[in-house]
Amino acid sequence: MPRSTTGSPDAAGAKAREETLVFADVVMHPAAYRVFRAGREVALGPTEFRLLQLFLRQPRRGFSRREIVRAVWPAGTAIDDRTVDVHIARLRRALNGHGETNLIRTIRSVGYSLDTPTSTTPDDT
């Protein structure tokens, strides 16, 4: 939980309740359990919500599947790579449900990151 600059537990709680995470056109209000993409509300299950929250807290950072499991699932839960992949696919479907650009990038043989797409040109090879 973030520390309060005033030292008051009430102030720290208020800050946590008001927290908003934003990346590109994705807006998350964690305390209200609400996510919006391009102005429309996105319905997410609890695991997909925690996944997105992880990505929004550190956008553009690559996360290995192991890091994702540690951050998203309860300690001691046995989760394999395929389970992570399934939840990433669900999150992508929910976020891209109306033709929006995919913001979740697969990092081959590593894991995933939240990133803005880049256009590729012949010079980018």
C-alpha atoms as a PDB file:
ATOM      1  CA  MET A   1       0.000   0.000   0.000  1.00  0.00           C
ATOM      2  CA  PRO A   2       1.386   3.431  -0.846  1.00  0.00           C
ATOM      3  CA  ARG A   3       2.627   5.481   2.061  1.00  0.00           C
ATOM      4  CA  SER A   4       0.920   8.709   2.926  1.00  0.00           C
ATOM      5  CA  THR A   5       2.936  11.887   2.826  1.00  0.00           C
ATOM      6  CA  THR A   6       0.920  13.170   5.785  1.00  0.00           C
ATOM      7  CA  GLY A   7       1.499  10.078   7.885  1.00  0.00           C
ATOM      8  CA  SER A   8      -2.240   9.586   8.305  1.00  0.00           C
ATOM      9  CA  PRO A   9      -3.590   6.086   7.576  1.00  0.00           C
ATOM     10  CA  ASP A  10      -6.809   7.701   6.334  1.00  0.00           C
ATOM     11  CA  ALA A  11      -4.894   9.763   3.778  1.00  0.00           C
ATOM     12  CA  ALA A  12      -3.085   6.647   2.511  1.00  0.00           C
ATOM     13  CA  GLY A  13      -6.394   4.805   2.165  1.00  0.00           C
ATOM     14  CA  ALA A  14      -7.952   7.712   0.290  1.00  0.00           C
ATOM     15  CA  LYS A  15      -4.998   7.810  -2.107  1.00  0.00           C
ATOM     16  CA  ALA A  16      -5.330   4.079  -2.806  1.00  0.00           C
ATOM     17  CA  ARG A  17      -9.072   4.447  -3.430  1.00  0.00           C
ATOM     18  CA  GLU A  18      -8.472   7.291  -5.885  1.00  0.00           C
ATOM     19  CA  GLU A  19      -5.645   5.583  -7.793  1.00  0.00           C
ATOM     20  CA  THR A  20      -6.072   5.519 -11.552  1.00  0.00           C
ATOM     21  CA  LEU A  21      -3.766   3.604 -13.882  1.00  0.00           C
ATOM     22  CA  VAL A  22      -3.548   4.818 -17.485  1.00  0.00           C
ATOM     23  CA  PHE A  23      -1.685   3.585 -20.548  1.00  0.00           C
ATOM     24  CA  ALA A  24      -2.554   4.613 -24.104  1.00  0.00           C
ATOM     25  CA  ASP A  25      -6.375   4.476 -24.216  1.00  0.00           C
ATOM     26  CA  VAL A  26      -6.711   2.047 -21.271  1.00  0.00           C
ATOM     27  CA  VAL A  27      -7.882   3.454 -17.937  1.00  0.00           C
ATOM     28  CA  MET A  28      -8.154   1.345 -14.781  1.00  0.00           C
ATOM     29  CA  HIS A  29      -9.758   2.330 -11.484  1.00  0.00           C
ATOM     30  CA  PRO A  30      -8.537  -0.519  -9.227  1.00  0.00           C
ATOM     31  CA  ALA A  31     -10.573   0.364  -6.136  1.00  0.00           C
ATOM     32  CA  ALA A  32     -13.769   0.489  -8.189  1.00  0.00           C
ATOM     33  CA  TYR A  33     -12.774  -2.636 -10.172  1.00  0.00           C
ATOM     34  CA  ARG A  34     -13.441  -0.846 -13.474  1.00  0.00           C
ATOM     35  CA  VAL A  35     -11.513  -0.752 -16.737  1.00  0.00           C
ATOM     36  CA  PHE A  36     -12.153   1.359 -19.820  1.00  0.00           C
ATOM     37  CA  ARG A  37     -10.652   1.084 -23.299  1.00  0.00           C
ATOM     38  CA  ALA A  38     -11.214   3.935 -25.738  1.00  0.00           C
ATOM     39  CA  GLY A  39     -14.055   5.156 -23.535  1.00  0.00           C
ATOM     40  CA  ARG A  40     -15.977   1.871 -23.343  1.00  0.00           C
ATOM     41  CA  GLU A  41     -16.130  -0.226 -20.190  1.00  0.00           C
ATOM     42  CA  VAL A  42     -14.323  -3.567 -20.411  1.00  0.00           C
ATOM     43  CA  ALA A  43     -15.584  -6.545 -18.404  1.00  0.00           C
ATOM     44  CA  LEU A  44     -12.703  -8.565 -16.954  1.00  0.00           C
ATOM     45  CA  GLY A  45     -12.549 -11.604 -14.732  1.00  0.00           C
ATOM     46  CA  PRO A  46     -10.483 -11.349 -11.541  1.00  0.00           C
ATOM     47  CA  THR A  47      -7.371 -12.974 -13.019  1.00  0.00           C
ATOM     48  CA  GLU A  48      -7.427 -10.826 -16.157  1.00  0.00           C
ATOM     49  CA  PHE A  49      -7.980  -7.746 -13.971  1.00  0.00           C
ATOM     50  CA  ARG A  50      -4.865  -8.577 -11.904  1.00  0.00           C
ATOM     51  CA  LEU A  51      -2.881  -9.258 -15.097  1.00  0.00           C
ATOM     52  CA  LEU A  52      -3.802  -5.894 -16.559  1.00  0.00           C
ATOM     53  CA  GLN A  53      -3.062  -4.171 -13.259  1.00  0.00           C
ATOM     54  CA  LEU A  54       0.425  -5.725 -13.265  1.00  0.00           C
ATOM     55  CA  PHE A  55       1.059  -4.499 -16.808  1.00  0.00           C
ATOM     56  CA  LEU A  56      -0.345  -1.018 -16.132  1.00  0.00           C
ATOM     57  CA  ARG A  57       1.897  -0.561 -13.091  1.00  0.00           C
ATOM     58  CA  GLN A  58       4.993  -1.162 -15.254  1.00  0.00           C
ATOM     59  CA  PRO A  59       4.119  -0.578 -18.907  1.00  0.00           C
ATOM     60  CA  ARG A  60       6.680  -1.518 -21.549  1.00  0.00           C
ATOM     61  CA  ARG A  61       8.433  -3.840 -19.086  1.00  0.00           C
ATOM     62  CA  GLY A  62       8.724  -7.424 -20.215  1.00  0.00           C
ATOM     63  CA  PHE A  63       7.438  -9.974 -17.702  1.00  0.00           C
ATOM     64  CA  SER A  64       8.410 -13.624 -17.827  1.00  0.00           C
ATOM     65  CA  ARG A  65       5.623 -16.137 -17.324  1.00  0.00           C
ATOM     66  CA  ARG A  66       7.167 -17.008 -13.958  1.00  0.00           C
ATOM     67  CA  GLU A  67       7.040 -13.341 -12.861  1.00  0.00           C
ATOM     68  CA  ILE A  68       3.429 -13.141 -13.988  1.00  0.00           C
ATOM     69  CA  VAL A  69       2.496 -16.249 -11.993  1.00  0.00           C
ATOM     70  CA  ARG A  70       4.170 -14.871  -8.856  1.00  0.00           C
ATOM     71  CA  ALA A  71       2.438 -11.505  -9.190  1.00  0.00           C
ATOM     72  CA  VAL A  72      -1.052 -12.611 -10.234  1.00  0.00           C
ATOM     73  CA  TRP A  73      -1.779 -15.959  -8.563  1.00  0.00           C
ATOM     74  CA  PRO A  74      -1.706 -16.756  -4.822  1.00  0.00           C
ATOM     75  CA  ALA A  75       1.609 -18.052  -3.460  1.00  0.00           C
ATOM     76  CA  GLY A  76       1.992 -21.790  -3.762  1.00  0.00           C
ATOM     77  CA  THR A  77      -0.493 -22.118  -6.621  1.00  0.00           C
ATOM     78  CA  ALA A  78       0.739 -24.520  -9.315  1.00  0.00           C
ATOM     79  CA  ILE A  79       0.283 -22.715 -12.634  1.00  0.00           C
ATOM     80  CA  ASP A  80       1.859 -23.809 -15.903  1.00  0.00           C
ATOM     81  CA  ASP A  81       2.845 -21.640 -18.855  1.00  0.00           C
ATOM     82  CA  ARG A  82      -0.232 -22.610 -20.856  1.00  0.00           C
ATOM     83  CA  THR A  83      -2.522 -21.275 -18.098  1.00  0.00           C
ATOM     84  CA  VAL A  84      -0.767 -17.901 -18.308  1.00  0.00           C
ATOM     85  CA  ASP A  85      -1.151 -17.942 -22.101  1.00  0.00           C
ATOM     86  CA  VAL A  86      -4.895 -18.671 -21.821  1.00  0.00           C
ATOM     87  CA  HIS A  87      -5.465 -15.747 -19.443  1.00  0.00           C
ATOM     88  CA  ILE A  88      -3.398 -13.430 -21.661  1.00  0.00           C
ATOM     89  CA  ALA A  89      -5.589 -14.468 -24.618  1.00  0.00           C
ATOM     90  CA  ARG A  90      -8.735 -13.698 -22.598  1.00  0.00           C
ATOM     91  CA  LEU A  91      -7.351 -10.300 -21.617  1.00  0.00           C
ATOM     92  CA  ARG A  92      -6.485  -9.525 -25.241  1.00  0.00           C
ATOM     93  CA  ARG A  93      -9.986 -10.507 -26.403  1.00  0.00           C
ATOM     94  CA  ALA A  94     -11.595  -8.301 -23.770  1.00  0.00           C
ATOM     95  CA  LEU A  95      -9.393  -5.288 -24.510  1.00  0.00           C
ATOM     96  CA  ASN A  96      -9.591  -5.648 -28.291  1.00  0.00           C
ATOM     97  CA  GLY A  97     -13.282  -6.500 -28.478  1.00  0.00           C
ATOM     98  CA  HIS A  98     -14.168  -3.590 -30.727  1.00  0.00           C
ATOM     99  CA  GLY A  99     -11.237  -3.696 -33.124  1.00  0.00           C
ATOM    100  CA  GLU A 100      -8.796  -1.739 -30.979  1.00  0.00           C
ATOM    101  CA  THR A 101      -5.067  -2.220 -31.463  1.00  0.00           C
ATOM    102  CA  ASN A 102      -3.478  -5.014 -29.450  1.00  0.00           C
ATOM    103  CA  LEU A 103      -1.384  -3.517 -26.641  1.00  0.00           C
ATOM    104  CA  ILE A 104      -0.160  -6.810 -25.165  1.00  0.00           C
ATOM    105  CA  ARG A 105       3.027  -7.837 -26.907  1.00  0.00           C
ATOM    106  CA  THR A 106       4.373 -11.372 -26.864  1.00  0.00           C
ATOM    107  CA  ILE A 107       8.093 -11.525 -26.175  1.00  0.00           C
ATOM    108  CA  ARG A 108       9.149 -14.756 -27.828  1.00  0.00           C
ATOM    109  CA  SER A 109      10.495 -17.398 -25.415  1.00  0.00           C
ATOM    110  CA  VAL A 110      10.150 -14.939 -22.519  1.00  0.00           C
ATOM    111  CA  GLY A 111       6.654 -13.682 -21.783  1.00  0.00           C
ATOM    112  CA  TYR A 112       4.592 -10.545 -22.303  1.00  0.00           C
ATOM    113  CA  SER A 113       4.556  -6.760 -22.001  1.00  0.00           C
ATOM    114  CA  LEU A 114       2.094  -3.917 -22.318  1.00  0.00           C
ATOM    115  CA  ASP A 115       3.350  -1.747 -25.139  1.00  0.00           C
ATOM    116  CA  THR A 116       2.158   0.500 -27.912  1.00  0.00           C
ATOM    117  CA  PRO A 117       2.443  -1.086 -31.325  1.00  0.00           C
ATOM    118  CA  THR A 118       5.157   0.184 -33.611  1.00  0.00           C
ATOM    119  CA  SER A 119       4.872   0.387 -37.329  1.00  0.00           C
ATOM    120  CA  THR A 120       7.337  -1.718 -39.217  1.00  0.00           C
ATOM    121  CA  THR A 121       9.061  -0.489 -42.297  1.00  0.00           C
ATOM    122  CA  PRO A 122      11.692  -2.162 -44.454  1.00  0.00           C
ATOM    123  CA  ASP A 123      14.311  -0.119 -42.549  1.00  0.00           C
ATOM    124  CA  ASP A 124      13.271  -1.758 -39.247  1.00  0.00           C
ATOM    125  CA  THR A 125      14.613  -5.191 -40.189  1.00  0.00           C
END
